[in-house]
Amino acid sequence: MTLALRLLRIAGFALAFTLAFTLSQRATLARTGETVPGISWAIGALSTFFLIGAWATERTQGAEANARKDLLWASAPAASSSSSRACSGGGRRSRRDSTRGVARLPRP
């Protein structure tokens, strides 16, 4: 497989991961009014593990593992960019701040 095709696949994986995580964080914020505490640290640790795994796999595996290597290479920057998005916007918001002036119905 050519280098250009591998880079395109890595970019596609990274974009898909970033989009999925961003949507997940927005859904959590909309549902509960705050993000999960410590999520940026957890994602940063995962990003580091993915990066180490990608480097080790690139050094030890042959061309038959290109799909796995591309997935690992894409996961590290995707997790890192998602982590920074999770922290942007002023951090955690309280439920009271996010629903100010909005009538809330009781949950069933």
PDB file of N, CA and C in Angstrom:
ATOM      1  N   MET A   1       0.848  -1.173   0.000  1.00  0.00           N
ATOM      2  CA  MET A   1       0.000   0.000   0.000  1.00  0.00           C
ATOM      3  C   MET A   1       0.897   1.241   0.000  1.00  0.00           C
ATOM      4  N   THR A   2       0.501   2.201  -0.744  1.00  0.00           N
ATOM      5  CA  THR A   2       1.330   3.394  -0.859  1.00  0.00           C
ATOM      6  C   THR A   2       1.211   4.279   0.381  1.00  0.00           C
ATOM      7  N   LEU A   3       2.190   5.124   0.544  1.00  0.00           N
ATOM      8  CA  LEU A   3       2.218   6.031   1.687  1.00  0.00           C
ATOM      9  C   LEU A   3       1.040   7.004   1.655  1.00  0.00           C
ATOM     10  N   ALA A   4       0.698   7.498   0.483  1.00  0.00           N
ATOM     11  CA  ALA A   4      -0.420   8.447   0.364  1.00  0.00           C
ATOM     12  C   ALA A   4      -1.734   7.811   0.792  1.00  0.00           C
ATOM     13  N   LEU A   5      -1.940   6.556   0.428  1.00  0.00           N
ATOM     14  CA  LEU A   5      -3.166   5.866   0.808  1.00  0.00           C
ATOM     15  C   LEU A   5      -3.206   5.618   2.321  1.00  0.00           C
ATOM     16  N   ARG A   6      -2.063   5.269   2.891  1.00  0.00           N
ATOM     17  CA  ARG A   6      -2.009   5.085   4.345  1.00  0.00           C
ATOM     18  C   ARG A   6      -2.306   6.393   5.073  1.00  0.00           C
ATOM     19  N   LEU A   7      -1.727   7.504   4.607  1.00  0.00           N
ATOM     20  CA  LEU A   7      -1.981   8.804   5.237  1.00  0.00           C
ATOM     21  C   LEU A   7      -3.447   9.198   5.120  1.00  0.00           C
ATOM     22  N   LEU A   8      -4.057   8.905   3.988  1.00  0.00           N
ATOM     23  CA  LEU A   8      -5.476   9.193   3.807  1.00  0.00           C
ATOM     24  C   LEU A   8      -6.329   8.362   4.758  1.00  0.00           C
ATOM     25  N   ARG A   9      -5.984   7.094   4.923  1.00  0.00           N
ATOM     26  CA  ARG A   9      -6.728   6.238   5.848  1.00  0.00           C
ATOM     27  C   ARG A   9      -6.547   6.708   7.296  1.00  0.00           C
ATOM     28  N   ILE A  10      -5.330   7.104   7.665  1.00  0.00           N
ATOM     29  CA  ILE A  10      -5.084   7.621   9.018  1.00  0.00           C
ATOM     30  C   ILE A  10      -5.913   8.879   9.259  1.00  0.00           C
ATOM     31  N   ALA A  11      -5.932   9.783   8.289  1.00  0.00           N
ATOM     32  CA  ALA A  11      -6.717  11.016   8.434  1.00  0.00           C
ATOM     33  C   ALA A  11      -8.206  10.706   8.558  1.00  0.00           C
ATOM     34  N   GLY A  12      -8.698   9.739   7.804  1.00  0.00           N
ATOM     35  CA  GLY A  12     -10.107   9.342   7.900  1.00  0.00           C
ATOM     36  C   GLY A  12     -10.450   8.781   9.262  1.00  0.00           C
ATOM     37  N   PHE A  13      -9.604   7.890   9.778  1.00  0.00           N
ATOM     38  CA  PHE A  13      -9.819   7.348  11.125  1.00  0.00           C
ATOM     39  C   PHE A  13      -9.813   8.463  12.168  1.00  0.00           C
ATOM     40  N   ALA A  14      -8.838   9.364  12.082  1.00  0.00           N
ATOM     41  CA  ALA A  14      -8.724  10.446  13.059  1.00  0.00           C
ATOM     42  C   ALA A  14      -9.957  11.354  13.016  1.00  0.00           C
ATOM     43  N   LEU A  15     -10.419  11.679  11.831  1.00  0.00           N
ATOM     44  CA  LEU A  15     -11.606  12.517  11.690  1.00  0.00           C
ATOM     45  C   LEU A  15     -12.842  11.826  12.264  1.00  0.00           C
ATOM     46  N   ALA A  16     -12.992  10.541  11.992  1.00  0.00           N
ATOM     47  CA  ALA A  16     -14.141   9.790  12.521  1.00  0.00           C
ATOM     48  C   ALA A  16     -14.115   9.738  14.050  1.00  0.00           C
ATOM     49  N   PHE A  17     -12.945   9.467  14.631  1.00  0.00           N
ATOM     50  CA  PHE A  17     -12.832   9.434  16.089  1.00  0.00           C
ATOM     51  C   PHE A  17     -13.144  10.793  16.709  1.00  0.00           C
ATOM     52  N   THR A  18     -12.587  11.840  16.132  1.00  0.00           N
ATOM     53  CA  THR A  18     -12.811  13.186  16.660  1.00  0.00           C
ATOM     54  C   THR A  18     -14.284  13.561  16.587  1.00  0.00           C
ATOM     55  N   LEU A  19     -14.935  13.271  15.481  1.00  0.00           N
ATOM     56  CA  LEU A  19     -16.348  13.575  15.317  1.00  0.00           C
ATOM     57  C   LEU A  19     -17.204  12.789  16.314  1.00  0.00           C
ATOM     58  N   ALA A  20     -16.928  11.500  16.459  1.00  0.00           N
ATOM     59  CA  ALA A  20     -17.704  10.674  17.390  1.00  0.00           C
ATOM     60  C   ALA A  20     -17.535  11.146  18.827  1.00  0.00           C
ATOM     61  N   PHE A  21     -16.310  11.472  19.223  1.00  0.00           N
ATOM     62  CA  PHE A  21     -16.094  11.913  20.594  1.00  0.00           C
ATOM     63  C   PHE A  21     -16.729  13.278  20.845  1.00  0.00           C
ATOM     64  N   THR A  22     -16.632  14.180  19.882  1.00  0.00           N
ATOM     65  CA  THR A  22     -17.229  15.505  20.040  1.00  0.00           C
ATOM     66  C   THR A  22     -18.742  15.402  20.192  1.00  0.00           C
ATOM     67  N   LEU A  23     -19.361  14.565  19.371  1.00  0.00           N
ATOM     68  CA  LEU A  23     -20.808  14.365  19.489  1.00  0.00           C
ATOM     69  C   LEU A  23     -21.180  13.760  20.836  1.00  0.00           C
ATOM     70  N   SER A  24     -20.383  12.835  21.306  1.00  0.00           N
ATOM     71  CA  SER A  24     -20.631  12.217  22.607  1.00  0.00           C
ATOM     72  C   SER A  24     -20.536  13.241  23.740  1.00  0.00           C
ATOM     73  N   GLN A  25     -19.510  14.098  23.688  1.00  0.00           N
ATOM     74  CA  GLN A  25     -19.353  15.120  24.721  1.00  0.00           C
ATOM     75  C   GLN A  25     -20.491  16.130  24.688  1.00  0.00           C
ATOM     76  N   ARG A  26     -20.932  16.512  23.497  1.00  0.00           N
ATOM     77  CA  ARG A  26     -22.050  17.449  23.393  1.00  0.00           C
ATOM     78  C   ARG A  26     -23.336  16.834  23.913  1.00  0.00           C
ATOM     79  N   ALA A  27     -23.553  15.562  23.655  1.00  0.00           N
ATOM     80  CA  ALA A  27     -24.751  14.879  24.164  1.00  0.00           C
ATOM     81  C   ALA A  27     -24.716  14.813  25.686  1.00  0.00           C
ATOM     82  N   THR A  28     -23.555  14.519  26.251  1.00  0.00           N
ATOM     83  CA  THR A  28     -23.427  14.479  27.708  1.00  0.00           C
ATOM     84  C   THR A  28     -23.668  15.851  28.311  1.00  0.00           C
ATOM     85  N   LEU A  29     -23.119  16.877  27.699  1.00  0.00           N
ATOM     86  CA  LEU A  29     -23.297  18.243  28.186  1.00  0.00           C
ATOM     87  C   LEU A  29     -24.764  18.669  28.105  1.00  0.00           C
ATOM     88  N   ALA A  30     -25.421  18.305  27.026  1.00  0.00           N
ATOM     89  CA  ALA A  30     -26.835  18.663  26.872  1.00  0.00           C
ATOM     90  C   ALA A  30     -27.714  17.903  27.857  1.00  0.00           C
ATOM     91  N   ARG A  31     -27.376  16.649  28.129  1.00  0.00           N
ATOM     92  CA  ARG A  31     -28.192  15.818  29.009  1.00  0.00           C
ATOM     93  C   ARG A  31     -27.996  16.167  30.483  1.00  0.00           C
ATOM     94  N   THR A  32     -26.768  16.342  30.907  1.00  0.00           N
ATOM     95  CA  THR A  32     -26.495  16.527  32.337  1.00  0.00           C
ATOM     96  C   THR A  32     -26.091  17.944  32.704  1.00  0.00           C
ATOM     97  N   GLY A  33     -25.725  18.760  31.738  1.00  0.00           N
ATOM     98  CA  GLY A  33     -25.307  20.125  32.019  1.00  0.00           C
ATOM     99  C   GLY A  33     -23.844  20.259  32.377  1.00  0.00           C
ATOM    100  N   GLU A  34     -23.103  19.159  32.379  1.00  0.00           N
ATOM    101  CA  GLU A  34     -21.671  19.207  32.652  1.00  0.00           C
ATOM    102  C   GLU A  34     -20.981  18.030  31.986  1.00  0.00           C
ATOM    103  N   THR A  35     -19.681  18.160  31.790  1.00  0.00           N
ATOM    104  CA  THR A  35     -18.912  17.051  31.241  1.00  0.00           C
ATOM    105  C   THR A  35     -18.392  16.202  32.379  1.00  0.00           C
ATOM    106  N   VAL A  36     -17.879  15.052  32.052  1.00  0.00           N
ATOM    107  CA  VAL A  36     -17.372  14.133  33.062  1.00  0.00           C
ATOM    108  C   VAL A  36     -16.082  14.704  33.646  1.00  0.00           C
ATOM    109  N   PRO A  37     -15.984  14.806  34.972  1.00  0.00           N
ATOM    110  CA  PRO A  37     -14.764  15.334  35.584  1.00  0.00           C
ATOM    111  C   PRO A  37     -13.557  14.439  35.280  1.00  0.00           C
ATOM    112  N   GLY A  38     -12.450  15.050  34.934  1.00  0.00           N
ATOM    113  CA  GLY A  38     -11.217  14.312  34.678  1.00  0.00           C
ATOM    114  C   GLY A  38     -11.126  13.674  33.309  1.00  0.00           C
ATOM    115  N   ILE A  39     -12.080  13.947  32.429  1.00  0.00           N
ATOM    116  CA  ILE A  39     -12.078  13.300  31.115  1.00  0.00           C
ATOM    117  C   ILE A  39     -10.851  13.694  30.298  1.00  0.00           C
ATOM    118  N   SER A  40     -10.391  14.922  30.433  1.00  0.00           N
ATOM    119  CA  SER A  40      -9.229  15.343  29.637  1.00  0.00           C
ATOM    120  C   SER A  40      -7.965  14.585  30.050  1.00  0.00           C
ATOM    121  N   TRP A  41      -7.811  14.287  31.343  1.00  0.00           N
ATOM    122  CA  TRP A  41      -6.653  13.515  31.800  1.00  0.00           C
ATOM    123  C   TRP A  41      -6.733  12.081  31.298  1.00  0.00           C
ATOM    124  N   ALA A  42      -7.915  11.504  31.337  1.00  0.00           N
ATOM    125  CA  ALA A  42      -8.086  10.128  30.874  1.00  0.00           C
ATOM    126  C   ALA A  42      -7.814  10.015  29.376  1.00  0.00           C
ATOM    127  N   ILE A  43      -8.301  10.968  28.614  1.00  0.00           N
ATOM    128  CA  ILE A  43      -8.086  10.936  27.170  1.00  0.00           C
ATOM    129  C   ILE A  43      -6.622  11.213  26.842  1.00  0.00           C
ATOM    130  N   GLY A  44      -5.986  12.072  27.605  1.00  0.00           N
ATOM    131  CA  GLY A  44      -4.557  12.314  27.410  1.00  0.00           C
ATOM    132  C   GLY A  44      -3.731  11.058  27.644  1.00  0.00           C
ATOM    133  N   ALA A  45      -4.091  10.297  28.676  1.00  0.00           N
ATOM    134  CA  ALA A  45      -3.390   9.037  28.949  1.00  0.00           C
ATOM    135  C   ALA A  45      -3.621   8.036  27.819  1.00  0.00           C
ATOM    136  N   LEU A  46      -4.854   7.934  27.345  1.00  0.00           N
ATOM    137  CA  LEU A  46      -5.142   7.033  26.220  1.00  0.00           C
ATOM    138  C   LEU A  46      -4.378   7.442  24.974  1.00  0.00           C
ATOM    139  N   SER A  47      -4.301   8.728  24.737  1.00  0.00           N
ATOM    140  CA  SER A  47      -3.569   9.231  23.582  1.00  0.00           C
ATOM    141  C   SER A  47      -2.101   8.816  23.657  1.00  0.00           C
ATOM    142  N   THR A  48      -1.517   8.911  24.837  1.00  0.00           N
ATOM    143  CA  THR A  48      -0.128   8.511  25.030  1.00  0.00           C
ATOM    144  C   THR A  48       0.046   7.012  24.788  1.00  0.00           C
ATOM    145  N   PHE A  49      -0.871   6.203  25.317  1.00  0.00           N
ATOM    146  CA  PHE A  49      -0.796   4.756  25.111  1.00  0.00           C
ATOM    147  C   PHE A  49      -0.952   4.393  23.639  1.00  0.00           C
ATOM    148  N   PHE A  50      -1.866   5.064  22.931  1.00  0.00           N
ATOM    149  CA  PHE A  50      -2.042   4.810  21.503  1.00  0.00           C
ATOM    150  C   PHE A  50      -0.771   5.173  20.726  1.00  0.00           C
ATOM    151  N   LEU A  51      -0.154   6.277  21.092  1.00  0.00           N
ATOM    152  CA  LEU A  51       1.058   6.712  20.410  1.00  0.00           C
ATOM    153  C   LEU A  51       2.200   5.722  20.631  1.00  0.00           C
ATOM    154  N   ILE A  52       2.372   5.247  21.847  1.00  0.00           N
ATOM    155  CA  ILE A  52       3.402   4.245  22.146  1.00  0.00           C
ATOM    156  C   ILE A  52       3.103   2.946  21.404  1.00  0.00           C
ATOM    157  N   GLY A  53       1.831   2.540  21.404  1.00  0.00           N
ATOM    158  CA  GLY A  53       1.445   1.327  20.687  1.00  0.00           C
ATOM    159  C   GLY A  53       1.674   1.441  19.194  1.00  0.00           C
ATOM    160  N   ALA A  54       1.378   2.603  18.629  1.00  0.00           N
ATOM    161  CA  ALA A  54       1.596   2.811  17.198  1.00  0.00           C
ATOM    162  C   ALA A  54       3.077   2.735  16.856  1.00  0.00           C
ATOM    163  N   TRP A  55       3.897   3.369  17.668  1.00  0.00           N
ATOM    164  CA  TRP A  55       5.338   3.346  17.428  1.00  0.00           C
ATOM    165  C   TRP A  55       5.882   1.918  17.528  1.00  0.00           C
ATOM    166  N   ALA A  56       5.474   1.185  18.585  1.00  0.00           N
ATOM    167  CA  ALA A  56       5.953  -0.184  18.773  1.00  0.00           C
ATOM    168  C   ALA A  56       5.469  -1.100  17.651  1.00  0.00           C
ATOM    169  N   THR A  57       4.227  -0.944  17.251  1.00  0.00           N
ATOM    170  CA  THR A  57       3.686  -1.777  16.178  1.00  0.00           C
ATOM    171  C   THR A  57       4.367  -1.472  14.852  1.00  0.00           C
ATOM    172  N   GLU A  58       4.648  -0.218  14.602  1.00  0.00           N
ATOM    173  CA  GLU A  58       5.337   0.174  13.359  1.00  0.00           C
ATOM    174  C   GLU A  58       6.723  -0.454  13.293  1.00  0.00           C
ATOM    175  N   ARG A  59       7.395  -0.559  14.440  1.00  0.00           N
ATOM    176  CA  ARG A  59       8.752  -1.114  14.485  1.00  0.00           C
ATOM    177  C   ARG A  59       8.780  -2.639  14.403  1.00  0.00           C
ATOM    178  N   THR A  60       7.730  -3.311  14.923  1.00  0.00           N
ATOM    179  CA  THR A  60       7.791  -4.765  15.063  1.00  0.00           C
ATOM    180  C   THR A  60       6.933  -5.536  14.080  1.00  0.00           C
ATOM    181  N   GLN A  61       5.923  -4.922  13.487  1.00  0.00           N
ATOM    182  CA  GLN A  61       5.016  -5.633  12.591  1.00  0.00           C
ATOM    183  C   GLN A  61       5.334  -5.314  11.141  1.00  0.00           C
ATOM    184  N   GLY A  62       4.961  -6.208  10.270  1.00  0.00           N
ATOM    185  CA  GLY A  62       5.205  -6.014   8.838  1.00  0.00           C
ATOM    186  C   GLY A  62       4.032  -5.326   8.162  1.00  0.00           C
ATOM    187  N   ALA A  63       4.015  -5.420   6.857  1.00  0.00           N
ATOM    188  CA  ALA A  63       2.984  -4.757   6.050  1.00  0.00           C
ATOM    189  C   ALA A  63       1.597  -5.343   6.282  1.00  0.00           C
ATOM    190  N   GLU A  64       1.514  -6.580   6.768  1.00  0.00           N
ATOM    191  CA  GLU A  64       0.205  -7.204   7.011  1.00  0.00           C
ATOM    192  C   GLU A  64      -0.553  -6.511   8.144  1.00  0.00           C
ATOM    193  N   ALA A  65       0.126  -5.747   8.967  1.00  0.00           N
ATOM    194  CA  ALA A  65      -0.511  -5.057  10.099  1.00  0.00           C
ATOM    195  C   ALA A  65      -0.738  -3.574   9.817  1.00  0.00           C
ATOM    196  N   ASN A  66      -0.720  -3.172   8.566  1.00  0.00           N
ATOM    197  CA  ASN A  66      -0.872  -1.753   8.233  1.00  0.00           C
ATOM    198  C   ASN A  66      -2.198  -1.170   8.721  1.00  0.00           C
ATOM    199  N   ALA A  67      -3.273  -1.928   8.612  1.00  0.00           N
ATOM    200  CA  ALA A  67      -4.577  -1.411   9.070  1.00  0.00           C
ATOM    201  C   ALA A  67      -4.542  -1.129  10.574  1.00  0.00           C
ATOM    202  N   ARG A  68      -3.977  -2.041  11.332  1.00  0.00           N
ATOM    203  CA  ARG A  68      -3.873  -1.843  12.789  1.00  0.00           C
ATOM    204  C   ARG A  68      -2.956  -0.662  13.110  1.00  0.00           C
ATOM    205  N   LYS A  69      -1.844  -0.568  12.401  1.00  0.00           N
ATOM    206  CA  LYS A  69      -0.915   0.544  12.629  1.00  0.00           C
ATOM    207  C   LYS A  69      -1.582   1.881  12.304  1.00  0.00           C
ATOM    208  N   ASP A  70      -2.316   1.935  11.202  1.00  0.00           N
ATOM    209  CA  ASP A  70      -2.992   3.172  10.825  1.00  0.00           C
ATOM    210  C   ASP A  70      -4.034   3.570  11.859  1.00  0.00           C
ATOM    211  N   LEU A  71      -4.760   2.586  12.376  1.00  0.00           N
ATOM    212  CA  LEU A  71      -5.763   2.857  13.410  1.00  0.00           C
ATOM    213  C   LEU A  71      -5.106   3.420  14.670  1.00  0.00           C
ATOM    214  N   LEU A  72      -3.982   2.861  15.068  1.00  0.00           N
ATOM    215  CA  LEU A  72      -3.274   3.365  16.251  1.00  0.00           C
ATOM    216  C   LEU A  72      -2.710   4.763  16.013  1.00  0.00           C
ATOM    217  N   TRP A  73      -2.119   4.998  14.837  1.00  0.00           N
ATOM    218  CA  TRP A  73      -1.583   6.330  14.543  1.00  0.00           C
ATOM    219  C   TRP A  73      -2.700   7.364  14.535  1.00  0.00           C
ATOM    220  N   ALA A  74      -3.871   6.998  14.046  1.00  0.00           N
ATOM    221  CA  ALA A  74      -4.988   7.940  13.997  1.00  0.00           C
ATOM    222  C   ALA A  74      -5.585   8.187  15.376  1.00  0.00           C
ATOM    223  N   SER A  75      -5.541   7.192  16.240  1.00  0.00           N
ATOM    224  CA  SER A  75      -6.165   7.317  17.560  1.00  0.00           C
ATOM    225  C   SER A  75      -5.457   8.324  18.455  1.00  0.00           C
ATOM    226  N   ALA A  76      -4.145   8.396  18.377  1.00  0.00           N
ATOM    227  CA  ALA A  76      -3.397   9.302  19.254  1.00  0.00           C
ATOM    228  C   ALA A  76      -3.734  10.771  19.006  1.00  0.00           C
ATOM    229  N   PRO A  77      -3.626  11.279  17.785  1.00  0.00           N
ATOM    230  CA  PRO A  77      -3.971  12.701  17.599  1.00  0.00           C
ATOM    231  C   PRO A  77      -5.466  12.966  17.727  1.00  0.00           C
ATOM    232  N   ALA A  78      -6.299  11.992  17.373  1.00  0.00           N
ATOM    233  CA  ALA A  78      -7.746  12.181  17.502  1.00  0.00           C
ATOM    234  C   ALA A  78      -8.124  12.316  18.967  1.00  0.00           C
ATOM    235  N   ALA A  79      -7.548  11.471  19.809  1.00  0.00           N
ATOM    236  CA  ALA A  79      -7.835  11.564  21.241  1.00  0.00           C
ATOM    237  C   ALA A  79      -7.304  12.876  21.805  1.00  0.00           C
ATOM    238  N   SER A  80      -6.136  13.268  21.354  1.00  0.00           N
ATOM    239  CA  SER A  80      -5.551  14.511  21.842  1.00  0.00           C
ATOM    240  C   SER A  80      -6.396  15.725  21.452  1.00  0.00           C
ATOM    241  N   SER A  81      -6.842  15.782  20.210  1.00  0.00           N
ATOM    242  CA  SER A  81      -7.657  16.927  19.784  1.00  0.00           C
ATOM    243  C   SER A  81      -9.021  16.897  20.447  1.00  0.00           C
ATOM    244  N   SER A  82      -9.562  15.708  20.682  1.00  0.00           N
ATOM    245  CA  SER A  82     -10.846  15.605  21.372  1.00  0.00           C
ATOM    246  C   SER A  82     -10.721  16.042  22.819  1.00  0.00           C
ATOM    247  N   SER A  83      -9.584  15.729  23.430  1.00  0.00           N
ATOM    248  CA  SER A  83      -9.349  16.140  24.810  1.00  0.00           C
ATOM    249  C   SER A  83      -9.322  17.644  24.928  1.00  0.00           C
ATOM    250  N   SER A  84      -8.680  18.311  23.976  1.00  0.00           N
ATOM    251  CA  SER A  84      -8.623  19.769  24.047  1.00  0.00           C
ATOM    252  C   SER A  84     -10.001  20.377  23.795  1.00  0.00           C
ATOM    253  N   ARG A  85     -10.826  19.740  22.975  1.00  0.00           N
ATOM    254  CA  ARG A  85     -12.181  20.229  22.762  1.00  0.00           C
ATOM    255  C   ARG A  85     -13.026  20.042  24.013  1.00  0.00           C
ATOM    256  N   ALA A  86     -12.786  18.952  24.742  1.00  0.00           N
ATOM    257  CA  ALA A  86     -13.558  18.706  25.955  1.00  0.00           C
ATOM    258  C   ALA A  86     -13.249  19.757  27.011  1.00  0.00           C
ATOM    259  N   CYS A  87     -12.035  20.294  26.980  1.00  0.00           N
ATOM    260  CA  CYS A  87     -11.636  21.282  27.977  1.00  0.00           C
ATOM    261  C   CYS A  87     -12.001  22.699  27.567  1.00  0.00           C
ATOM    262  N   SER A  88     -12.295  22.921  26.297  1.00  0.00           N
ATOM    263  CA  SER A  88     -12.587  24.279  25.858  1.00  0.00           C
ATOM    264  C   SER A  88     -13.995  24.680  26.262  1.00  0.00           C
ATOM    265  N   GLY A  89     -14.255  25.944  26.208  1.00  0.00           N
ATOM    266  CA  GLY A  89     -15.585  26.425  26.542  1.00  0.00           C
ATOM    267  C   GLY A  89     -15.758  26.707  28.011  1.00  0.00           C
ATOM    268  N   GLY A  90     -14.681  26.924  28.732  1.00  0.00           N
ATOM    269  CA  GLY A  90     -14.802  27.298  30.122  1.00  0.00           C
ATOM    270  C   GLY A  90     -14.868  26.143  31.092  1.00  0.00           C
ATOM    271  N   GLY A  91     -14.663  24.933  30.613  1.00  0.00           N
ATOM    272  CA  GLY A  91     -14.639  23.788  31.513  1.00  0.00           C
ATOM    273  C   GLY A  91     -16.024  23.347  31.932  1.00  0.00           C
ATOM    274  N   ARG A  92     -16.087  22.770  33.106  1.00  0.00           N
ATOM    275  CA  ARG A  92     -17.327  22.186  33.597  1.00  0.00           C
ATOM    276  C   ARG A  92     -18.326  23.260  33.976  1.00  0.00           C
ATOM    277  N   ARG A  93     -19.568  23.047  33.603  1.00  0.00           N
ATOM    278  CA  ARG A  93     -20.625  23.980  33.965  1.00  0.00           C
ATOM    279  C   ARG A  93     -21.582  23.287  34.912  1.00  0.00           C
ATOM    280  N   SER A  94     -22.118  24.038  35.822  1.00  0.00           N
ATOM    281  CA  SER A  94     -23.091  23.450  36.729  1.00  0.00           C
ATOM    282  C   SER A  94     -24.439  23.382  36.048  1.00  0.00           C
ATOM    283  N   ARG A  95     -25.290  22.515  36.557  1.00  0.00           N
ATOM    284  CA  ARG A  95     -26.631  22.370  35.994  1.00  0.00           C
ATOM    285  C   ARG A  95     -27.404  23.680  36.117  1.00  0.00           C
ATOM    286  N   ARG A  96     -27.237  24.388  37.223  1.00  0.00           N
ATOM    287  CA  ARG A  96     -27.963  25.636  37.430  1.00  0.00           C
ATOM    288  C   ARG A  96     -27.563  26.690  36.390  1.00  0.00           C
ATOM    289  N   ASP A  97     -26.250  26.771  36.075  1.00  0.00           N
ATOM    290  CA  ASP A  97     -25.785  27.742  35.097  1.00  0.00           C
ATOM    291  C   ASP A  97     -26.275  27.417  33.690  1.00  0.00           C
ATOM    292  N   SER A  98     -26.356  26.134  33.362  1.00  0.00           N
ATOM    293  CA  SER A  98     -26.716  25.763  31.996  1.00  0.00           C
ATOM    294  C   SER A  98     -28.208  25.853  31.741  1.00  0.00           C
ATOM    295  N   THR A  99     -29.019  25.924  32.799  1.00  0.00           N
ATOM    296  CA  THR A  99     -30.472  25.952  32.608  1.00  0.00           C
ATOM    297  C   THR A  99     -31.098  27.239  33.116  1.00  0.00           C
ATOM    298  N   ARG A 100     -30.303  28.263  33.329  1.00  0.00           N
ATOM    299  CA  ARG A 100     -30.817  29.524  33.843  1.00  0.00           C
ATOM    300  C   ARG A 100     -31.871  30.089  32.902  1.00  0.00           C
ATOM    301  N   GLY A 101     -33.047  30.373  33.442  1.00  0.00           N
ATOM    302  CA  GLY A 101     -34.121  30.971  32.667  1.00  0.00           C
ATOM    303  C   GLY A 101     -34.907  29.972  31.839  1.00  0.00           C
ATOM    304  N   VAL A 102     -34.636  28.687  32.007  1.00  0.00           N
ATOM    305  CA  VAL A 102     -35.337  27.668  31.238  1.00  0.00           C
ATOM    306  C   VAL A 102     -36.144  26.811  32.205  1.00  0.00           C
ATOM    307  N   ALA A 103     -37.430  26.676  31.910  1.00  0.00           N
ATOM    308  CA  ALA A 103     -38.281  25.828  32.737  1.00  0.00           C
ATOM    309  C   ALA A 103     -37.946  24.366  32.470  1.00  0.00           C
ATOM    310  N   ARG A 104     -37.729  23.608  33.526  1.00  0.00           N
ATOM    311  CA  ARG A 104     -37.383  22.202  33.369  1.00  0.00           C
ATOM    312  C   ARG A 104     -38.549  21.337  33.778  1.00  0.00           C
ATOM    313  N   LEU A 105     -38.809  20.330  32.993  1.00  0.00           N
ATOM    314  CA  LEU A 105     -39.848  19.364  33.328  1.00  0.00           C
ATOM    315  C   LEU A 105     -39.222  18.243  34.144  1.00  0.00           C
ATOM    316  N   PRO A 106     -39.982  17.659  35.067  1.00  0.00           N
ATOM    317  CA  PRO A 106     -39.422  16.538  35.839  1.00  0.00           C
ATOM    318  C   PRO A 106     -39.151  15.357  34.925  1.00  0.00           C
ATOM    319  N   ARG A 107     -38.107  14.629  35.242  1.00  0.00           N
ATOM    320  CA  ARG A 107     -37.771  13.432  34.457  1.00  0.00           C
ATOM    321  C   ARG A 107     -38.709  12.301  34.843  1.00  0.00           C
ATOM    322  N   PRO A 108     -39.113  11.509  33.881  1.00  0.00           N
ATOM    323  CA  PRO A 108     -40.015  10.371  34.186  1.00  0.00           C
ATOM    324  C   PRO A 108     -39.307   9.276  34.924  1.00  0.00           C
TER     325      PRO A 108
END
